């Protein structure tokens, strides 16, 4: 899997897109949705942080782990969404 210098992959970038289309395509192709980058951010954490509500919904419906996943600062998706 291709990653950038902070270990983010295509699912991390799709999570902050303006629409949920890219995420839906990746999920349909069975892209893992709970991968973390160097800052321990999952796609769901990034979508919540950037206010991408539709992307959060798509990730949650696909089974993204919102209860246990926390970033390097100890925040979960619920914290970042507020």
PDB file of N, CA and C in Angstrom:
ATOM      1  N   UNK A   1       0.845  -1.174   0.000  1.00  0.00           N
ATOM      2  CA  UNK A   1       0.000   0.000   0.000  1.00  0.00           C
ATOM      3  C   UNK A   1       0.898   1.247   0.000  1.00  0.00           C
ATOM      4  N   UNK A   2       0.548   2.204  -0.806  1.00  0.00           N
ATOM      5  CA  UNK A   2       1.328   3.436  -0.905  1.00  0.00           C
ATOM      6  C   UNK A   2       0.967   4.364   0.257  1.00  0.00           C
ATOM      7  N   UNK A   3       2.002   4.897   0.902  1.00  0.00           N
ATOM      8  CA  UNK A   3       1.817   5.827   2.017  1.00  0.00           C
ATOM      9  C   UNK A   3       2.716   7.037   1.810  1.00  0.00           C
ATOM     10  N   UNK A   4       2.307   8.157   2.426  1.00  0.00           N
ATOM     11  CA  UNK A   4       3.153   9.345   2.367  1.00  0.00           C
ATOM     12  C   UNK A   4       4.127   9.346   3.542  1.00  0.00           C
ATOM     13  N   UNK A   5       4.802  10.468   3.767  1.00  0.00           N
ATOM     14  CA  UNK A   5       5.836  10.538   4.802  1.00  0.00           C
ATOM     15  C   UNK A   5       5.310  10.398   6.228  1.00  0.00           C
ATOM     16  N   UNK A   6       4.023  10.602   6.452  1.00  0.00           N
ATOM     17  CA  UNK A   6       3.445  10.408   7.792  1.00  0.00           C
ATOM     18  C   UNK A   6       2.577   9.143   7.824  1.00  0.00           C
ATOM     19  N   UNK A   7       2.782   8.265   6.837  1.00  0.00           N
ATOM     20  CA  UNK A   7       2.104   6.974   6.744  1.00  0.00           C
ATOM     21  C   UNK A   7       0.604   7.078   6.483  1.00  0.00           C
ATOM     22  N   UNK A   8       0.150   8.214   5.963  1.00  0.00           N
ATOM     23  CA  UNK A   8      -1.242   8.306   5.535  1.00  0.00           C
ATOM     24  C   UNK A   8      -1.360   7.616   4.184  1.00  0.00           C
ATOM     25  N   UNK A   9      -2.499   6.977   3.961  1.00  0.00           N
ATOM     26  CA  UNK A   9      -2.724   6.323   2.676  1.00  0.00           C
ATOM     27  C   UNK A   9      -3.959   6.920   2.010  1.00  0.00           C
ATOM     28  N   UNK A  10      -4.383   6.329   0.935  1.00  0.00           N
ATOM     29  CA  UNK A  10      -5.479   6.883   0.147  1.00  0.00           C
ATOM     30  C   UNK A  10      -6.773   7.001   0.963  1.00  0.00           C
ATOM     31  N   UNK A  11      -6.992   6.089   1.909  1.00  0.00           N
ATOM     32  CA  UNK A  11      -8.224   6.175   2.705  1.00  0.00           C
ATOM     33  C   UNK A  11      -8.219   7.402   3.620  1.00  0.00           C
ATOM     34  N   UNK A  12      -7.050   7.814   4.095  1.00  0.00           N
ATOM     35  CA  UNK A  12      -6.956   9.026   4.910  1.00  0.00           C
ATOM     36  C   UNK A  12      -7.302  10.267   4.076  1.00  0.00           C
ATOM     37  N   UNK A  13      -6.805  10.308   2.859  1.00  0.00           N
ATOM     38  CA  UNK A  13      -7.092  11.443   1.986  1.00  0.00           C
ATOM     39  C   UNK A  13      -8.550  11.448   1.532  1.00  0.00           C
ATOM     40  N   UNK A  14      -9.096  10.280   1.256  1.00  0.00           N
ATOM     41  CA  UNK A  14     -10.504  10.198   0.850  1.00  0.00           C
ATOM     42  C   UNK A  14     -11.425  10.657   1.972  1.00  0.00           C
ATOM     43  N   UNK A  15     -11.007  10.448   3.210  1.00  0.00           N
ATOM     44  CA  UNK A  15     -11.837  10.815   4.362  1.00  0.00           C
ATOM     45  C   UNK A  15     -12.057  12.320   4.478  1.00  0.00           C
ATOM     46  N   UNK A  16     -11.168  13.108   3.916  1.00  0.00           N
ATOM     47  CA  UNK A  16     -11.306  14.568   4.017  1.00  0.00           C
ATOM     48  C   UNK A  16     -11.776  15.204   2.712  1.00  0.00           C
ATOM     49  N   UNK A  17     -12.161  14.372   1.753  1.00  0.00           N
ATOM     50  CA  UNK A  17     -12.711  14.891   0.496  1.00  0.00           C
ATOM     51  C   UNK A  17     -14.059  15.557   0.740  1.00  0.00           C
ATOM     52  N   UNK A  18     -14.443  16.424  -0.156  1.00  0.00           N
ATOM     53  CA  UNK A  18     -15.704  17.162  -0.033  1.00  0.00           C
ATOM     54  C   UNK A  18     -16.920  16.254  -0.160  1.00  0.00           C
ATOM     55  N   UNK A  19     -16.799  15.153  -0.875  1.00  0.00           N
ATOM     56  CA  UNK A  19     -17.908  14.216  -1.035  1.00  0.00           C
ATOM     57  C   UNK A  19     -17.481  12.831  -0.564  1.00  0.00           C
ATOM     58  N   UNK A  20     -18.439  11.959  -0.362  1.00  0.00           N
ATOM     59  CA  UNK A  20     -18.139  10.618   0.131  1.00  0.00           C
ATOM     60  C   UNK A  20     -17.851   9.615  -0.991  1.00  0.00           C
ATOM     61  N   UNK A  21     -17.953  10.044  -2.230  1.00  0.00           N
ATOM     62  CA  UNK A  21     -17.734   9.145  -3.367  1.00  0.00           C
ATOM     63  C   UNK A  21     -16.428   8.377  -3.332  1.00  0.00           C
ATOM     64  N   UNK A  22     -15.292   9.054  -3.140  1.00  0.00           N
ATOM     65  CA  UNK A  22     -14.026   8.316  -3.096  1.00  0.00           C
ATOM     66  C   UNK A  22     -13.990   7.255  -1.990  1.00  0.00           C
ATOM     67  N   UNK A  23     -14.519   7.583  -0.826  1.00  0.00           N
ATOM     68  CA  UNK A  23     -14.555   6.607   0.268  1.00  0.00           C
ATOM     69  C   UNK A  23     -15.428   5.415  -0.082  1.00  0.00           C
ATOM     70  N   UNK A  24     -16.568   5.682  -0.684  1.00  0.00           N
ATOM     71  CA  UNK A  24     -17.476   4.602  -1.056  1.00  0.00           C
ATOM     72  C   UNK A  24     -16.818   3.635  -2.031  1.00  0.00           C
ATOM     73  N   UNK A  25     -16.057   4.167  -2.972  1.00  0.00           N
ATOM     74  CA  UNK A  25     -15.337   3.318  -3.923  1.00  0.00           C
ATOM     75  C   UNK A  25     -14.300   2.475  -3.199  1.00  0.00           C
ATOM     76  N   UNK A  26     -13.518   3.104  -2.317  1.00  0.00           N
ATOM     77  CA  UNK A  26     -12.488   2.361  -1.584  1.00  0.00           C
ATOM     78  C   UNK A  26     -13.093   1.273  -0.703  1.00  0.00           C
ATOM     79  N   UNK A  27     -14.184   1.585  -0.054  1.00  0.00           N
ATOM     80  CA  UNK A  27     -14.839   0.601   0.811  1.00  0.00           C
ATOM     81  C   UNK A  27     -15.388  -0.551  -0.018  1.00  0.00           C
ATOM     82  N   UNK A  28     -15.943  -0.245  -1.180  1.00  0.00           N
ATOM     83  CA  UNK A  28     -16.460  -1.312  -2.043  1.00  0.00           C
ATOM     84  C   UNK A  28     -15.334  -2.229  -2.536  1.00  0.00           C
ATOM     85  N   UNK A  29     -14.125  -1.702  -2.589  1.00  0.00           N
ATOM     86  CA  UNK A  29     -12.951  -2.491  -2.997  1.00  0.00           C
ATOM     87  C   UNK A  29     -12.249  -3.123  -1.795  1.00  0.00           C
ATOM     88  N   UNK A  30     -12.888  -3.041  -0.632  1.00  0.00           N
ATOM     89  CA  UNK A  30     -12.410  -3.649   0.613  1.00  0.00           C
ATOM     90  C   UNK A  30     -11.127  -3.035   1.167  1.00  0.00           C
ATOM     91  N   UNK A  31     -10.988  -1.737   1.000  1.00  0.00           N
ATOM     92  CA  UNK A  31      -9.852  -1.027   1.581  1.00  0.00           C
ATOM     93  C   UNK A  31     -10.014  -1.018   3.099  1.00  0.00           C
ATOM     94  N   UNK A  32      -8.989  -1.389   3.864  1.00  0.00           N
ATOM     95  CA  UNK A  32      -9.095  -1.324   5.327  1.00  0.00           C
ATOM     96  C   UNK A  32      -9.404   0.105   5.774  1.00  0.00           C
ATOM     97  N   UNK A  33     -10.364   0.260   6.685  1.00  0.00           N
ATOM     98  CA  UNK A  33     -10.803   1.601   7.065  1.00  0.00           C
ATOM     99  C   UNK A  33     -10.306   2.052   8.427  1.00  0.00           C
ATOM    100  N   UNK A  34      -9.623   1.183   9.154  1.00  0.00           N
ATOM    101  CA  UNK A  34      -9.125   1.575  10.470  1.00  0.00           C
ATOM    102  C   UNK A  34      -7.603   1.656  10.532  1.00  0.00           C
ATOM    103  N   UNK A  35      -6.962   1.837   9.389  1.00  0.00           N
ATOM    104  CA  UNK A  35      -5.505   1.997   9.386  1.00  0.00           C
ATOM    105  C   UNK A  35      -5.139   3.344  10.003  1.00  0.00           C
ATOM    106  N   UNK A  36      -4.037   3.369  10.725  1.00  0.00           N
ATOM    107  CA  UNK A  36      -3.597   4.616  11.345  1.00  0.00           C
ATOM    108  C   UNK A  36      -2.344   5.147  10.657  1.00  0.00           C
ATOM    109  N   UNK A  37      -2.203   6.471  10.713  1.00  0.00           N
ATOM    110  CA  UNK A  37      -0.986   7.097  10.208  1.00  0.00           C
ATOM    111  C   UNK A  37      -0.023   7.315  11.372  1.00  0.00           C
ATOM    112  N   UNK A  38       1.029   8.059  11.143  1.00  0.00           N
ATOM    113  CA  UNK A  38       2.062   8.290  12.162  1.00  0.00           C
ATOM    114  C   UNK A  38       1.502   8.952  13.420  1.00  0.00           C
ATOM    115  N   UNK A  39       0.449   9.758  13.281  1.00  0.00           N
ATOM    116  CA  UNK A  39      -0.162  10.430  14.425  1.00  0.00           C
ATOM    117  C   UNK A  39      -1.313   9.608  15.016  1.00  0.00           C
ATOM    118  N   UNK A  40      -1.393   8.339  14.621  1.00  0.00           N
ATOM    119  CA  UNK A  40      -2.431   7.408  15.074  1.00  0.00           C
ATOM    120  C   UNK A  40      -3.837   7.863  14.671  1.00  0.00           C
ATOM    121  N   UNK A  41      -3.932   8.577  13.558  1.00  0.00           N
ATOM    122  CA  UNK A  41      -5.227   9.039  13.058  1.00  0.00           C
ATOM    123  C   UNK A  41      -5.786   8.016  12.080  1.00  0.00           C
ATOM    124  N   UNK A  42      -7.054   7.704  12.265  1.00  0.00           N
ATOM    125  CA  UNK A  42      -7.761   6.848  11.317  1.00  0.00           C
ATOM    126  C   UNK A  42      -8.517   7.755  10.343  1.00  0.00           C
ATOM    127  N   UNK A  43      -9.004   7.212   9.252  1.00  0.00           N
ATOM    128  CA  UNK A  43      -9.835   8.010   8.358  1.00  0.00           C
ATOM    129  C   UNK A  43     -11.036   8.629   9.087  1.00  0.00           C
ATOM    130  N   UNK A  44     -11.655   7.892  10.002  1.00  0.00           N
ATOM    131  CA  UNK A  44     -12.788   8.428  10.751  1.00  0.00           C
ATOM    132  C   UNK A  44     -12.375   9.629  11.604  1.00  0.00           C
ATOM    133  N   UNK A  45     -11.244   9.541  12.258  1.00  0.00           N
ATOM    134  CA  UNK A  45     -10.767  10.677  13.061  1.00  0.00           C
ATOM    135  C   UNK A  45     -10.535  11.908  12.191  1.00  0.00           C
ATOM    136  N   UNK A  46      -9.965  11.709  11.014  1.00  0.00           N
ATOM    137  CA  UNK A  46      -9.724  12.845  10.114  1.00  0.00           C
ATOM    138  C   UNK A  46     -11.035  13.428   9.596  1.00  0.00           C
ATOM    139  N   UNK A  47     -11.964  12.566   9.212  1.00  0.00           N
ATOM    140  CA  UNK A  47     -13.262  13.053   8.727  1.00  0.00           C
ATOM    141  C   UNK A  47     -13.965  13.865   9.819  1.00  0.00           C
ATOM    142  N   UNK A  48     -13.918  13.382  11.047  1.00  0.00           N
ATOM    143  CA  UNK A  48     -14.541  14.098  12.165  1.00  0.00           C
ATOM    144  C   UNK A  48     -13.834  15.424  12.426  1.00  0.00           C
ATOM    145  N   UNK A  49     -12.519  15.420  12.388  1.00  0.00           N
ATOM    146  CA  UNK A  49     -11.730  16.625  12.633  1.00  0.00           C
ATOM    147  C   UNK A  49     -12.044  17.719  11.622  1.00  0.00           C
ATOM    148  N   UNK A  50     -12.220  17.327  10.359  1.00  0.00           N
ATOM    149  CA  UNK A  50     -12.452  18.305   9.297  1.00  0.00           C
ATOM    150  C   UNK A  50     -13.932  18.526   8.999  1.00  0.00           C
ATOM    151  N   UNK A  51     -14.807  17.987   9.839  1.00  0.00           N
ATOM    152  CA  UNK A  51     -16.241  18.239   9.689  1.00  0.00           C
ATOM    153  C   UNK A  51     -16.878  17.599   8.464  1.00  0.00           C
ATOM    154  N   UNK A  52     -16.340  16.498   8.025  1.00  0.00           N
ATOM    155  CA  UNK A  52     -16.877  15.801   6.844  1.00  0.00           C
ATOM    156  C   UNK A  52     -17.917  14.779   7.309  1.00  0.00           C
ATOM    157  N   UNK A  53     -19.104  15.272   7.619  1.00  0.00           N
ATOM    158  CA  UNK A  53     -20.159  14.468   8.222  1.00  0.00           C
ATOM    159  C   UNK A  53     -20.583  13.288   7.344  1.00  0.00           C
ATOM    160  N   UNK A  54     -20.730  13.520   6.048  1.00  0.00           N
ATOM    161  CA  UNK A  54     -21.135  12.431   5.146  1.00  0.00           C
ATOM    162  C   UNK A  54     -20.072  11.333   5.142  1.00  0.00           C
ATOM    163  N   UNK A  55     -18.807  11.722   5.184  1.00  0.00           N
ATOM    164  CA  UNK A  55     -17.727  10.743   5.198  1.00  0.00           C
ATOM    165  C   UNK A  55     -17.721   9.969   6.511  1.00  0.00           C
ATOM    166  N   UNK A  56     -18.006  10.639   7.615  1.00  0.00           N
ATOM    167  CA  UNK A  56     -18.124   9.958   8.910  1.00  0.00           C
ATOM    168  C   UNK A  56     -19.226   8.907   8.843  1.00  0.00           C
ATOM    169  N   UNK A  57     -20.356   9.277   8.275  1.00  0.00           N
ATOM    170  CA  UNK A  57     -21.484   8.354   8.173  1.00  0.00           C
ATOM    171  C   UNK A  57     -21.121   7.125   7.349  1.00  0.00           C
ATOM    172  N   UNK A  58     -20.461   7.341   6.223  1.00  0.00           N
ATOM    173  CA  UNK A  58     -20.052   6.219   5.363  1.00  0.00           C
ATOM    174  C   UNK A  58     -19.092   5.299   6.118  1.00  0.00           C
ATOM    175  N   UNK A  59     -18.131   5.888   6.805  1.00  0.00           N
ATOM    176  CA  UNK A  59     -17.159   5.081   7.548  1.00  0.00           C
ATOM    177  C   UNK A  59     -17.814   4.312   8.693  1.00  0.00           C
ATOM    178  N   UNK A  60     -18.715   4.958   9.403  1.00  0.00           N
ATOM    179  CA  UNK A  60     -19.394   4.279  10.507  1.00  0.00           C
ATOM    180  C   UNK A  60     -20.268   3.136  10.000  1.00  0.00           C
ATOM    181  N   UNK A  61     -20.980   3.356   8.905  1.00  0.00           N
ATOM    182  CA  UNK A  61     -21.817   2.293   8.324  1.00  0.00           C
ATOM    183  C   UNK A  61     -20.964   1.122   7.840  1.00  0.00           C
ATOM    184  N   UNK A  62     -19.717   1.417   7.458  1.00  0.00           N
ATOM    185  CA  UNK A  62     -18.809   0.369   6.990  1.00  0.00           C
ATOM    186  C   UNK A  62     -18.117  -0.349   8.148  1.00  0.00           C
ATOM    187  N   UNK A  63     -18.372   0.117   9.371  1.00  0.00           N
ATOM    188  CA  UNK A  63     -17.820  -0.565  10.542  1.00  0.00           C
ATOM    189  C   UNK A  63     -16.584   0.056  11.146  1.00  0.00           C
ATOM    190  N   UNK A  64     -16.313   1.321  10.840  1.00  0.00           N
ATOM    191  CA  UNK A  64     -15.144   1.982  11.431  1.00  0.00           C
ATOM    192  C   UNK A  64     -15.239   1.951  12.958  1.00  0.00           C
ATOM    193  N   UNK A  65     -14.109   1.706  13.593  1.00  0.00           N
ATOM    194  CA  UNK A  65     -14.049   1.601  15.042  1.00  0.00           C
ATOM    195  C   UNK A  65     -13.992   2.995  15.655  1.00  0.00           C
ATOM    196  N   UNK A  66     -15.070   3.421  16.278  1.00  0.00           N
ATOM    197  CA  UNK A  66     -15.111   4.759  16.880  1.00  0.00           C
ATOM    198  C   UNK A  66     -14.929   4.710  18.385  1.00  0.00           C
ATOM    199  N   UNK A  67     -15.006   3.542  18.975  1.00  0.00           N
ATOM    200  CA  UNK A  67     -14.927   3.439  20.430  1.00  0.00           C
ATOM    201  C   UNK A  67     -13.497   3.363  20.955  1.00  0.00           C
ATOM    202  N   UNK A  68     -12.645   2.630  20.273  1.00  0.00           N
ATOM    203  CA  UNK A  68     -11.315   2.371  20.812  1.00  0.00           C
ATOM    204  C   UNK A  68     -10.201   3.173  20.146  1.00  0.00           C
ATOM    205  N   UNK A  69     -10.442   3.682  18.958  1.00  0.00           N
ATOM    206  CA  UNK A  69      -9.378   4.351  18.213  1.00  0.00           C
ATOM    207  C   UNK A  69      -9.177   5.782  18.712  1.00  0.00           C
ATOM    208  N   UNK A  70      -7.952   6.081  19.132  1.00  0.00           N
ATOM    209  CA  UNK A  70      -7.600   7.429  19.586  1.00  0.00           C
ATOM    210  C   UNK A  70      -6.305   7.851  18.922  1.00  0.00           C
ATOM    211  N   UNK A  71      -6.193   9.149  18.653  1.00  0.00           N
ATOM    212  CA  UNK A  71      -4.984   9.656  18.012  1.00  0.00           C
ATOM    213  C   UNK A  71      -3.843   9.796  19.017  1.00  0.00           C
ATOM    214  N   UNK A  72      -2.721  10.329  18.565  1.00  0.00           N
ATOM    215  CA  UNK A  72      -1.537  10.448  19.420  1.00  0.00           C
ATOM    216  C   UNK A  72      -1.735  11.406  20.586  1.00  0.00           C
ATOM    217  N   UNK A  73      -2.784  12.228  20.520  1.00  0.00           N
ATOM    218  CA  UNK A  73      -3.087  13.148  21.627  1.00  0.00           C
ATOM    219  C   UNK A  73      -4.149  12.571  22.563  1.00  0.00           C
ATOM    220  N   UNK A  74      -4.608  11.360  22.285  1.00  0.00           N
ATOM    221  CA  UNK A  74      -5.587  10.694  23.129  1.00  0.00           C
ATOM    222  C   UNK A  74      -7.039  11.022  22.820  1.00  0.00           C
ATOM    223  N   UNK A  75      -7.281  11.678  21.689  1.00  0.00           N
ATOM    224  CA  UNK A  75      -8.642  12.053  21.313  1.00  0.00           C
ATOM    225  C   UNK A  75      -9.242  11.036  20.353  1.00  0.00           C
ATOM    226  N   UNK A  76     -10.539  10.768  20.536  1.00  0.00           N
ATOM    227  CA  UNK A  76     -11.266   9.891  19.634  1.00  0.00           C
ATOM    228  C   UNK A  76     -12.090  10.706  18.660  1.00  0.00           C
ATOM    229  N   UNK A  77     -12.824  10.020  17.813  1.00  0.00           N
ATOM    230  CA  UNK A  77     -13.638  10.699  16.790  1.00  0.00           C
ATOM    231  C   UNK A  77     -14.679  11.617  17.411  1.00  0.00           C
ATOM    232  N   UNK A  78     -15.273  11.203  18.535  1.00  0.00           N
ATOM    233  CA  UNK A  78     -16.285  12.041  19.178  1.00  0.00           C
ATOM    234  C   UNK A  78     -15.662  13.350  19.647  1.00  0.00           C
ATOM    235  N   UNK A  79     -14.468  13.284  20.225  1.00  0.00           N
ATOM    236  CA  UNK A  79     -13.780  14.505  20.683  1.00  0.00           C
ATOM    237  C   UNK A  79     -13.483  15.431  19.507  1.00  0.00           C
ATOM    238  N   UNK A  80     -12.996  14.853  18.415  1.00  0.00           N
ATOM    239  CA  UNK A  80     -12.615  15.669  17.258  1.00  0.00           C
ATOM    240  C   UNK A  80     -13.807  16.265  16.548  1.00  0.00           C
ATOM    241  N   UNK A  81     -14.954  15.630  16.643  1.00  0.00           N
ATOM    242  CA  UNK A  81     -16.149  16.126  15.962  1.00  0.00           C
ATOM    243  C   UNK A  81     -16.730  17.366  16.633  1.00  0.00           C
ATOM    244  N   UNK A  82     -16.397  17.573  17.879  1.00  0.00           N
ATOM    245  CA  UNK A  82     -16.994  18.683  18.632  1.00  0.00           C
ATOM    246  C   UNK A  82     -16.223  19.965  18.448  1.00  0.00           C
TER     247      UNK A  82
END
